[in-house]
Amino acid sequence: VEQAIRVIEELKQEREALKTELHSALEARGNLEKEVAQHQEEF
């Protein structure tokens, strides 16, 4: 049970890290899409 609890806690931490990474990636994608749109307008 203690081992299962440790695994669950590790998985929760990993999930939070992945959520943060996903949020950052989505934000970066949005910024890149804006930048591409600006460059297309300049072009």
All heavy atoms as atom14 arrays in JSON, in Angstrom:
{
  "sequence": "VEQAIRVIEELKQEREALKTELHSALEARGNLEKEVAQHQEEF",
  "atom14_mask": [
    [1, 1, 1, 1, 1, 1, 1, 0, 0, 0, 0, 0, 0, 0],
    [1, 1, 1, 1, 1, 1, 1, 1, 1, 0, 0, 0, 0, 0],
    [1, 1, 1, 1, 1, 1, 1, 1, 1, 0, 0, 0, 0, 0],
    [1, 1, 1, 1, 1, 0, 0, 0, 0, 0, 0, 0, 0, 0],
    [1, 1, 1, 1, 1, 1, 1, 1, 0, 0, 0, 0, 0, 0],
    [1, 1, 1, 1, 1, 1, 1, 1, 1, 1, 1, 0, 0, 0],
    [1, 1, 1, 1, 1, 1, 1, 0, 0, 0, 0, 0, 0, 0],
    [1, 1, 1, 1, 1, 1, 1, 1, 0, 0, 0, 0, 0, 0],
    [1, 1, 1, 1, 1, 1, 1, 1, 1, 0, 0, 0, 0, 0],
    [1, 1, 1, 1, 1, 1, 1, 1, 1, 0, 0, 0, 0, 0],
    [1, 1, 1, 1, 1, 1, 1, 1, 0, 0, 0, 0, 0, 0],
    [1, 1, 1, 1, 1, 1, 1, 1, 1, 0, 0, 0, 0, 0],
    [1, 1, 1, 1, 1, 1, 1, 1, 1, 0, 0, 0, 0, 0],
    [1, 1, 1, 1, 1, 1, 1, 1, 1, 0, 0, 0, 0, 0],
    [1, 1, 1, 1, 1, 1, 1, 1, 1, 1, 1, 0, 0, 0],
    [1, 1, 1, 1, 1, 1, 1, 1, 1, 0, 0, 0, 0, 0],
    [1, 1, 1, 1, 1, 0, 0, 0, 0, 0, 0, 0, 0, 0],
    [1, 1, 1, 1, 1, 1, 1, 1, 0, 0, 0, 0, 0, 0],
    [1, 1, 1, 1, 1, 1, 1, 1, 1, 0, 0, 0, 0, 0],
    [1, 1, 1, 1, 1, 1, 1, 0, 0, 0, 0, 0, 0, 0],
    [1, 1, 1, 1, 1, 1, 1, 1, 1, 0, 0, 0, 0, 0],
    [1, 1, 1, 1, 1, 1, 1, 1, 0, 0, 0, 0, 0, 0],
    [1, 1, 1, 1, 1, 1, 1, 1, 1, 1, 0, 0, 0, 0],
    [1, 1, 1, 1, 1, 1, 0, 0, 0, 0, 0, 0, 0, 0],
    [1, 1, 1, 1, 1, 0, 0, 0, 0, 0, 0, 0, 0, 0],
    [1, 1, 1, 1, 1, 1, 1, 1, 0, 0, 0, 0, 0, 0],
    [1, 1, 1, 1, 1, 1, 1, 1, 1, 0, 0, 0, 0, 0],
    [1, 1, 1, 1, 1, 0, 0, 0, 0, 0, 0, 0, 0, 0],
    [1, 1, 1, 1, 1, 1, 1, 1, 1, 1, 1, 0, 0, 0],
    [1, 1, 1, 1, 0, 0, 0, 0, 0, 0, 0, 0, 0, 0],
    [1, 1, 1, 1, 1, 1, 1, 1, 0, 0, 0, 0, 0, 0],
    [1, 1, 1, 1, 1, 1, 1, 1, 0, 0, 0, 0, 0, 0],
    [1, 1, 1, 1, 1, 1, 1, 1, 1, 0, 0, 0, 0, 0],
    [1, 1, 1, 1, 1, 1, 1, 1, 1, 0, 0, 0, 0, 0],
    [1, 1, 1, 1, 1, 1, 1, 1, 1, 0, 0, 0, 0, 0],
    [1, 1, 1, 1, 1, 1, 1, 0, 0, 0, 0, 0, 0, 0],
    [1, 1, 1, 1, 1, 0, 0, 0, 0, 0, 0, 0, 0, 0],
    [1, 1, 1, 1, 1, 1, 1, 1, 1, 0, 0, 0, 0, 0],
    [1, 1, 1, 1, 1, 1, 1, 1, 1, 1, 0, 0, 0, 0],
    [1, 1, 1, 1, 1, 1, 1, 1, 1, 0, 0, 0, 0, 0],
    [1, 1, 1, 1, 1, 1, 1, 1, 1, 0, 0, 0, 0, 0],
    [1, 1, 1, 1, 1, 1, 1, 1, 1, 0, 0, 0, 0, 0],
    [1, 1, 1, 1, 1, 1, 1, 1, 1, 1, 1, 0, 0, 0]
  ],
  "atom14_positions": [
    [[0.84, -1.19, 0.0], [0.0, 0.0, 0.0], [0.87, 1.25, 0.0], [0.63, 2.2, -0.73], [-0.96, -0.01, 1.22], [-1.63, 1.35, 1.4], [-2.01, -1.1, 1.06], [0.0, 0.0, 0.0], [0.0, 0.0, 0.0], [0.0, 0.0, 0.0], [0.0, 0.0, 0.0], [0.0, 0.0, 0.0], [0.0, 0.0, 0.0], [0.0, 0.0, 0.0]],
    [[1.93, 1.25, 0.84], [2.86, 2.39, 0.88], [3.53, 2.58, -0.47], [3.7, 3.71, -0.95], [3.88, 2.2, 1.98], [3.31, 2.37, 3.38], [4.32, 2.11, 4.49], [5.53, 2.01, 4.19], [3.89, 1.99, 5.64], [0.0, 0.0, 0.0], [0.0, 0.0, 0.0], [0.0, 0.0, 0.0], [0.0, 0.0, 0.0], [0.0, 0.0, 0.0]],
    [[3.93, 1.49, -1.11], [4.55, 1.55, -2.44], [3.56, 2.12, -3.45], [3.9, 2.97, -4.27], [5.02, 0.17, -2.89], [5.59, 0.11, -4.28], [6.89, 0.88, -4.42], [7.61, 1.12, -3.46], [7.18, 1.3, -5.64], [0.0, 0.0, 0.0], [0.0, 0.0, 0.0], [0.0, 0.0, 0.0], [0.0, 0.0, 0.0], [0.0, 0.0, 0.0]],
    [[2.3, 1.67, -3.38], [1.27, 2.17, -4.29], [1.06, 3.67, -4.08], [0.92, 4.43, -5.04], [-0.03, 1.41, -4.09], [0.0, 0.0, 0.0], [0.0, 0.0, 0.0], [0.0, 0.0, 0.0], [0.0, 0.0, 0.0], [0.0, 0.0, 0.0], [0.0, 0.0, 0.0], [0.0, 0.0, 0.0], [0.0, 0.0, 0.0], [0.0, 0.0, 0.0]],
    [[1.05, 4.11, -2.82], [0.88, 5.53, -2.51], [2.04, 6.33, -3.09], [1.83, 7.39, -3.68], [0.74, 5.74, -0.99], [-0.61, 5.2, -0.52], [0.88, 7.22, -0.63], [-0.77, 5.15, 0.99], [0.0, 0.0, 0.0], [0.0, 0.0, 0.0], [0.0, 0.0, 0.0], [0.0, 0.0, 0.0], [0.0, 0.0, 0.0], [0.0, 0.0, 0.0]],
    [[3.28, 5.83, -2.96], [4.44, 6.53, -3.53], [4.32, 6.63, -5.05], [4.58, 7.68, -5.64], [5.74, 5.82, -3.14], [6.21, 6.11, -1.73], [7.65, 5.64, -1.5], [7.82, 4.19, -1.65], [7.62, 3.29, -0.68], [7.21, 3.69, 0.52], [7.8, 2.01, -0.89], [0.0, 0.0, 0.0], [0.0, 0.0, 0.0], [0.0, 0.0, 0.0]],
    [[3.92, 5.55, -5.67], [3.77, 5.54, -7.13], [2.7, 6.55, -7.54], [2.88, 7.31, -8.5], [3.44, 4.12, -7.65], [2.99, 4.15, -9.11], [4.64, 3.2, -7.48], [0.0, 0.0, 0.0], [0.0, 0.0, 0.0], [0.0, 0.0, 0.0], [0.0, 0.0, 0.0], [0.0, 0.0, 0.0], [0.0, 0.0, 0.0], [0.0, 0.0, 0.0]],
    [[1.59, 6.57, -6.82], [0.51, 7.51, -7.13], [1.01, 8.94, -6.99], [0.73, 9.8, -7.84], [-0.72, 7.24, -6.24], [-1.39, 5.94, -6.67], [-1.72, 8.4, -6.32], [-2.45, 5.44, -5.7], [0.0, 0.0, 0.0], [0.0, 0.0, 0.0], [0.0, 0.0, 0.0], [0.0, 0.0, 0.0], [0.0, 0.0, 0.0], [0.0, 0.0, 0.0]],
    [[1.73, 9.24, -5.92], [2.27, 10.59, -5.72], [3.24, 10.97, -6.84], [3.21, 12.1, -7.34], [2.94, 10.71, -4.35], [1.99, 10.68, -3.19], [0.95, 11.79, -3.24], [1.31, 12.94, -3.58], [-0.22, 11.51, -2.94], [0.0, 0.0, 0.0], [0.0, 0.0, 0.0], [0.0, 0.0, 0.0], [0.0, 0.0, 0.0], [0.0, 0.0, 0.0]],
    [[4.1, 10.03, -7.23], [5.05, 10.3, -8.32], [4.29, 10.56, -9.62], [4.65, 11.47, -10.38], [6.0, 9.11, -8.5], [7.01, 8.98, -7.39], [7.82, 7.69, -7.49], [7.63, 6.9, -8.45], [8.66, 7.48, -6.59], [0.0, 0.0, 0.0], [0.0, 0.0, 0.0], [0.0, 0.0, 0.0], [0.0, 0.0, 0.0], [0.0, 0.0, 0.0]],
    [[3.24, 9.79, -9.86], [2.44, 9.98, -11.07], [1.73, 11.32, -11.05], [1.62, 11.99, -12.08], [1.45, 8.84, -11.25], [2.05, 7.49, -11.63], [0.98, 6.41, -11.58], [2.73, 7.54, -12.97], [0.0, 0.0, 0.0], [0.0, 0.0, 0.0], [0.0, 0.0, 0.0], [0.0, 0.0, 0.0], [0.0, 0.0, 0.0], [0.0, 0.0, 0.0]],
    [[1.24, 11.74, -9.88], [0.6, 13.05, -9.77], [1.59, 14.16, -10.08], [1.27, 15.11, -10.79], [0.03, 13.25, -8.36], [-1.25, 12.51, -8.1], [-1.74, 12.81, -6.67], [-3.02, 12.08, -6.34], [-3.46, 12.37, -4.96], [0.0, 0.0, 0.0], [0.0, 0.0, 0.0], [0.0, 0.0, 0.0], [0.0, 0.0, 0.0], [0.0, 0.0, 0.0]],
    [[2.81, 14.02, -9.54], [3.84, 15.03, -9.8], [4.2, 15.06, -11.28], [4.35, 16.13, -11.88], [5.08, 14.76, -8.96], [4.88, 15.02, -7.48], [6.08, 14.59, -6.64], [7.06, 14.05, -7.16], [5.98, 14.82, -5.34], [0.0, 0.0, 0.0], [0.0, 0.0, 0.0], [0.0, 0.0, 0.0], [0.0, 0.0, 0.0], [0.0, 0.0, 0.0]],
    [[4.33, 13.89, -11.86], [4.65, 13.81, -13.29], [3.52, 14.42, -14.13], [3.77, 15.15, -15.09], [4.87, 12.36, -13.69], [5.33, 12.19, -15.12], [5.63, 10.74, -15.47], [5.76, 9.89, -14.58], [5.73, 10.47, -16.68], [0.0, 0.0, 0.0], [0.0, 0.0, 0.0], [0.0, 0.0, 0.0], [0.0, 0.0, 0.0], [0.0, 0.0, 0.0]],
    [[2.27, 14.16, -13.74], [1.13, 14.73, -14.44], [1.15, 16.25, -14.37], [0.93, 16.93, -15.37], [-0.17, 14.19, -13.87], [-1.4, 14.73, -14.61], [-2.68, 14.27, -14.01], [-2.83, 14.91, -12.69], [-3.77, 14.62, -11.82], [-4.64, 13.67, -12.09], [-3.84, 15.24, -10.67], [0.0, 0.0, 0.0], [0.0, 0.0, 0.0], [0.0, 0.0, 0.0]],
    [[1.44, 16.79, -13.21], [1.52, 18.25, -13.06], [2.64, 18.84, -13.91], [2.48, 19.88, -14.54], [1.69, 18.63, -11.58], [0.45, 18.42, -10.75], [-0.77, 19.14, -11.28], [-0.67, 20.34, -11.63], [-1.84, 18.5, -11.36], [0.0, 0.0, 0.0], [0.0, 0.0, 0.0], [0.0, 0.0, 0.0], [0.0, 0.0, 0.0], [0.0, 0.0, 0.0]],
    [[3.79, 18.16, -13.92], [4.91, 18.62, -14.75], [4.53, 18.6, -16.22], [4.84, 19.54, -16.98], [6.15, 17.76, -14.5], [0.0, 0.0, 0.0], [0.0, 0.0, 0.0], [0.0, 0.0, 0.0], [0.0, 0.0, 0.0], [0.0, 0.0, 0.0], [0.0, 0.0, 0.0], [0.0, 0.0, 0.0], [0.0, 0.0, 0.0], [0.0, 0.0, 0.0]],
    [[3.83, 17.54, -16.63], [3.4, 17.43, -18.03], [2.34, 18.49, -18.37], [2.34, 19.04, -19.48], [2.87, 16.03, -18.32], [3.93, 14.93, -18.36], [3.26, 13.56, -18.45], [4.91, 15.14, -19.5], [0.0, 0.0, 0.0], [0.0, 0.0, 0.0], [0.0, 0.0, 0.0], [0.0, 0.0, 0.0], [0.0, 0.0, 0.0], [0.0, 0.0, 0.0]],
    [[1.46, 18.78, -17.42], [0.47, 19.84, -17.65], [1.17, 21.18, -17.86], [0.81, 21.95, -18.75], [-0.48, 19.96, -16.45], [-1.61, 18.99, -16.44], [-2.51, 19.3, -15.22], [-3.69, 18.41, -15.13], [-4.53, 18.74, -13.95], [0.0, 0.0, 0.0], [0.0, 0.0, 0.0], [0.0, 0.0, 0.0], [0.0, 0.0, 0.0], [0.0, 0.0, 0.0]],
    [[2.16, 21.45, -17.01], [2.92, 22.69, -17.14], [3.64, 22.75, -18.47], [3.62, 23.77, -19.17], [3.93, 22.8, -15.98], [3.22, 22.78, -14.75], [4.75, 24.06, -16.08], [0.0, 0.0, 0.0], [0.0, 0.0, 0.0], [0.0, 0.0, 0.0], [0.0, 0.0, 0.0], [0.0, 0.0, 0.0], [0.0, 0.0, 0.0], [0.0, 0.0, 0.0]],
    [[4.25, 21.65, -18.86], [4.96, 21.58, -20.14], [4.0, 21.77, -21.3], [4.29, 22.5, -22.26], [5.68, 20.23, -20.26], [6.57, 20.1, -21.45], [7.3, 18.76, -21.48], [7.47, 18.12, -20.43], [7.71, 18.37, -22.59], [0.0, 0.0, 0.0], [0.0, 0.0, 0.0], [0.0, 0.0, 0.0], [0.0, 0.0, 0.0], [0.0, 0.0, 0.0]],
    [[2.83, 21.15, -21.21], [1.82, 21.29, -22.26], [1.36, 22.74, -22.35], [1.24, 23.29, -23.46], [0.63, 20.37, -21.99], [-0.55, 20.48, -22.95], [-0.13, 20.12, -24.38], [-1.7, 19.6, -22.49], [0.0, 0.0, 0.0], [0.0, 0.0, 0.0], [0.0, 0.0, 0.0], [0.0, 0.0, 0.0], [0.0, 0.0, 0.0], [0.0, 0.0, 0.0]],
    [[1.1, 23.36, -21.21], [0.67, 24.75, -21.2], [1.72, 25.64, -21.85], [1.4, 26.51, -22.67], [0.39, 25.21, -19.77], [-0.01, 26.64, -19.66], [-1.23, 27.11, -20.08], [0.67, 27.72, -19.21], [-1.29, 28.4, -19.88], [-0.16, 28.81, -19.36], [0.0, 0.0, 0.0], [0.0, 0.0, 0.0], [0.0, 0.0, 0.0], [0.0, 0.0, 0.0]],
    [[2.98, 25.42, -21.51], [4.07, 26.2, -22.1], [4.16, 25.98, -23.6], [4.35, 26.93, -24.37], [5.41, 25.84, -21.44], [5.4, 26.18, -20.08], [0.0, 0.0, 0.0], [0.0, 0.0, 0.0], [0.0, 0.0, 0.0], [0.0, 0.0, 0.0], [0.0, 0.0, 0.0], [0.0, 0.0, 0.0], [0.0, 0.0, 0.0], [0.0, 0.0, 0.0]],
    [[4.01, 24.73, -24.02], [4.08, 24.41, -25.45], [2.92, 25.06, -26.21], [3.11, 25.6, -27.31], [4.07, 22.9, -25.66], [0.0, 0.0, 0.0], [0.0, 0.0, 0.0], [0.0, 0.0, 0.0], [0.0, 0.0, 0.0], [0.0, 0.0, 0.0], [0.0, 0.0, 0.0], [0.0, 0.0, 0.0], [0.0, 0.0, 0.0], [0.0, 0.0, 0.0]],
    [[1.72, 25.04, -25.62], [0.57, 25.65, -26.27], [0.74, 27.17, -26.35], [0.39, 27.79, -27.36], [-0.72, 25.31, -25.52], [-1.18, 23.85, -25.63], [-2.36, 23.6, -24.71], [-1.51, 23.48, -27.06], [0.0, 0.0, 0.0], [0.0, 0.0, 0.0], [0.0, 0.0, 0.0], [0.0, 0.0, 0.0], [0.0, 0.0, 0.0], [0.0, 0.0, 0.0]],
    [[1.29, 27.75, -25.31], [1.54, 29.19, -25.32], [2.58, 29.54, -26.38], [2.42, 30.5, -27.13], [2.03, 29.64, -23.94], [2.15, 31.13, -23.79], [2.52, 31.53, -22.37], [2.03, 30.89, -21.43], [3.32, 32.45, -22.23], [0.0, 0.0, 0.0], [0.0, 0.0, 0.0], [0.0, 0.0, 0.0], [0.0, 0.0, 0.0], [0.0, 0.0, 0.0]],
    [[3.64, 28.73, -26.47], [4.68, 28.96, -27.47], [4.1, 28.82, -28.87], [4.42, 29.6, -29.77], [5.84, 27.98, -27.27], [0.0, 0.0, 0.0], [0.0, 0.0, 0.0], [0.0, 0.0, 0.0], [0.0, 0.0, 0.0], [0.0, 0.0, 0.0], [0.0, 0.0, 0.0], [0.0, 0.0, 0.0], [0.0, 0.0, 0.0], [0.0, 0.0, 0.0]],
    [[3.23, 27.82, -29.05], [2.6, 27.63, -30.36], [1.75, 28.85, -30.73], [1.79, 29.33, -31.86], [1.73, 26.38, -30.36], [1.14, 26.08, -31.74], [0.23, 24.91, -31.72], [-1.13, 25.43, -31.57], [-2.19, 24.66, -31.46], [-2.07, 23.36, -31.41], [-3.38, 25.19, -31.35], [0.0, 0.0, 0.0], [0.0, 0.0, 0.0], [0.0, 0.0, 0.0]],
    [[1.01, 29.36, -29.76], [0.21, 30.56, -30.02], [1.07, 31.74, -30.41], [0.74, 32.48, -31.34], [0.0, 0.0, 0.0], [0.0, 0.0, 0.0], [0.0, 0.0, 0.0], [0.0, 0.0, 0.0], [0.0, 0.0, 0.0], [0.0, 0.0, 0.0], [0.0, 0.0, 0.0], [0.0, 0.0, 0.0], [0.0, 0.0, 0.0], [0.0, 0.0, 0.0]],
    [[2.19, 31.89, -29.7], [3.1, 32.99, -30.04], [3.69, 32.81, -31.43], [3.82, 33.78, -32.19], [4.22, 33.09, -28.99], [3.72, 33.55, -27.64], [2.67, 34.16, -27.53], [4.45, 33.24, -26.6], [0.0, 0.0, 0.0], [0.0, 0.0, 0.0], [0.0, 0.0, 0.0], [0.0, 0.0, 0.0], [0.0, 0.0, 0.0], [0.0, 0.0, 0.0]],
    [[4.05, 31.57, -31.76], [4.6, 31.3, -33.09], [3.56, 31.55, -34.18], [3.89, 32.09, -35.25], [5.12, 29.87, -33.17], [6.41, 29.59, -32.42], [6.72, 28.09, -32.43], [7.57, 30.37, -33.01], [0.0, 0.0, 0.0], [0.0, 0.0, 0.0], [0.0, 0.0, 0.0], [0.0, 0.0, 0.0], [0.0, 0.0, 0.0], [0.0, 0.0, 0.0]],
    [[2.31, 31.17, -33.91], [1.26, 31.41, -34.89], [1.07, 32.91, -35.13], [0.89, 33.34, -36.27], [-0.06, 30.77, -34.44], [-0.06, 29.26, -34.56], [-1.29, 28.61, -33.96], [-2.04, 29.28, -33.21], [-1.5, 27.42, -34.23], [0.0, 0.0, 0.0], [0.0, 0.0, 0.0], [0.0, 0.0, 0.0], [0.0, 0.0, 0.0], [0.0, 0.0, 0.0]],
    [[1.13, 33.7, -34.05], [1.02, 35.15, -34.2], [2.2, 35.7, -35.0], [2.03, 36.55, -35.87], [0.99, 35.82, -32.82], [-0.29, 35.62, -32.07], [-0.21, 36.24, -30.68], [-1.43, 35.88, -29.85], [-1.33, 36.37, -28.47], [0.0, 0.0, 0.0], [0.0, 0.0, 0.0], [0.0, 0.0, 0.0], [0.0, 0.0, 0.0], [0.0, 0.0, 0.0]],
    [[3.39, 35.18, -34.71], [4.59, 35.65, -35.41], [4.52, 35.28, -36.89], [4.86, 36.09, -37.76], [5.84, 35.03, -34.77], [7.11, 35.64, -35.23], [8.32, 35.11, -34.47], [8.2, 34.78, -33.28], [9.39, 35.02, -35.1], [0.0, 0.0, 0.0], [0.0, 0.0, 0.0], [0.0, 0.0, 0.0], [0.0, 0.0, 0.0], [0.0, 0.0, 0.0]],
    [[4.05, 34.08, -37.19], [3.9, 33.65, -38.58], [2.9, 34.55, -39.3], [3.13, 34.97, -40.43], [3.48, 32.16, -38.66], [2.98, 31.8, -40.06], [4.64, 31.25, -38.27], [0.0, 0.0, 0.0], [0.0, 0.0, 0.0], [0.0, 0.0, 0.0], [0.0, 0.0, 0.0], [0.0, 0.0, 0.0], [0.0, 0.0, 0.0], [0.0, 0.0, 0.0]],
    [[1.8, 34.86, -38.63], [0.79, 35.74, -39.24], [1.38, 37.11, -39.52], [1.12, 37.69, -40.59], [-0.43, 35.85, -38.32], [0.0, 0.0, 0.0], [0.0, 0.0, 0.0], [0.0, 0.0, 0.0], [0.0, 0.0, 0.0], [0.0, 0.0, 0.0], [0.0, 0.0, 0.0], [0.0, 0.0, 0.0], [0.0, 0.0, 0.0], [0.0, 0.0, 0.0]],
    [[2.19, 37.63, -38.6], [2.82, 38.93, -38.81], [3.78, 38.87, -40.0], [3.8, 39.77, -40.84], [3.58, 39.37, -37.56], [2.68, 39.78, -36.42], [3.46, 40.02, -35.13], [4.62, 39.65, -35.01], [2.81, 40.63, -34.16], [0.0, 0.0, 0.0], [0.0, 0.0, 0.0], [0.0, 0.0, 0.0], [0.0, 0.0, 0.0], [0.0, 0.0, 0.0]],
    [[4.56, 37.8, -40.06], [5.51, 37.66, -41.18], [4.78, 37.49, -42.51], [5.23, 38.01, -43.53], [6.47, 36.5, -40.93], [7.51, 36.79, -39.89], [8.43, 37.8, -40.01], [7.77, 36.19, -38.71], [9.21, 37.82, -38.94], [8.82, 36.86, -38.13], [0.0, 0.0, 0.0], [0.0, 0.0, 0.0], [0.0, 0.0, 0.0], [0.0, 0.0, 0.0]],
    [[3.67, 36.79, -42.48], [2.88, 36.64, -43.71], [2.35, 37.99, -44.17], [2.35, 38.28, -45.36], [1.74, 35.65, -43.49], [2.19, 34.22, -43.45], [1.05, 33.25, -43.13], [0.05, 33.62, -42.53], [1.22, 32.01, -43.54], [0.0, 0.0, 0.0], [0.0, 0.0, 0.0], [0.0, 0.0, 0.0], [0.0, 0.0, 0.0], [0.0, 0.0, 0.0]],
    [[1.91, 38.81, -43.22], [1.42, 40.15, -43.56], [2.56, 40.99, -44.13], [2.38, 41.68, -45.13], [0.81, 40.83, -42.33], [0.29, 42.22, -42.6], [-0.81, 42.29, -43.64], [-1.57, 41.32, -43.81], [-0.91, 43.33, -44.32], [0.0, 0.0, 0.0], [0.0, 0.0, 0.0], [0.0, 0.0, 0.0], [0.0, 0.0, 0.0], [0.0, 0.0, 0.0]],
    [[3.73, 40.92, -43.49], [4.89, 41.66, -44.0], [5.25, 41.18, -45.4], [5.55, 41.99, -46.3], [6.09, 41.48, -43.07], [5.95, 42.19, -41.74], [7.08, 41.85, -40.78], [8.14, 41.36, -41.23], [6.9, 42.06, -39.57], [0.0, 0.0, 0.0], [0.0, 0.0, 0.0], [0.0, 0.0, 0.0], [0.0, 0.0, 0.0], [0.0, 0.0, 0.0]],
    [[5.23, 39.87, -45.6], [5.54, 39.29, -46.91], [4.54, 39.79, -47.95], [4.93, 40.16, -49.07], [5.51, 37.76, -46.81], [5.75, 37.07, -48.12], [7.01, 37.04, -48.69], [4.7, 36.45, -48.78], [7.23, 36.4, -49.89], [4.91, 35.81, -49.99], [6.18, 35.78, -50.55], [0.0, 0.0, 0.0], [0.0, 0.0, 0.0], [0.0, 0.0, 0.0]]
  ]
}
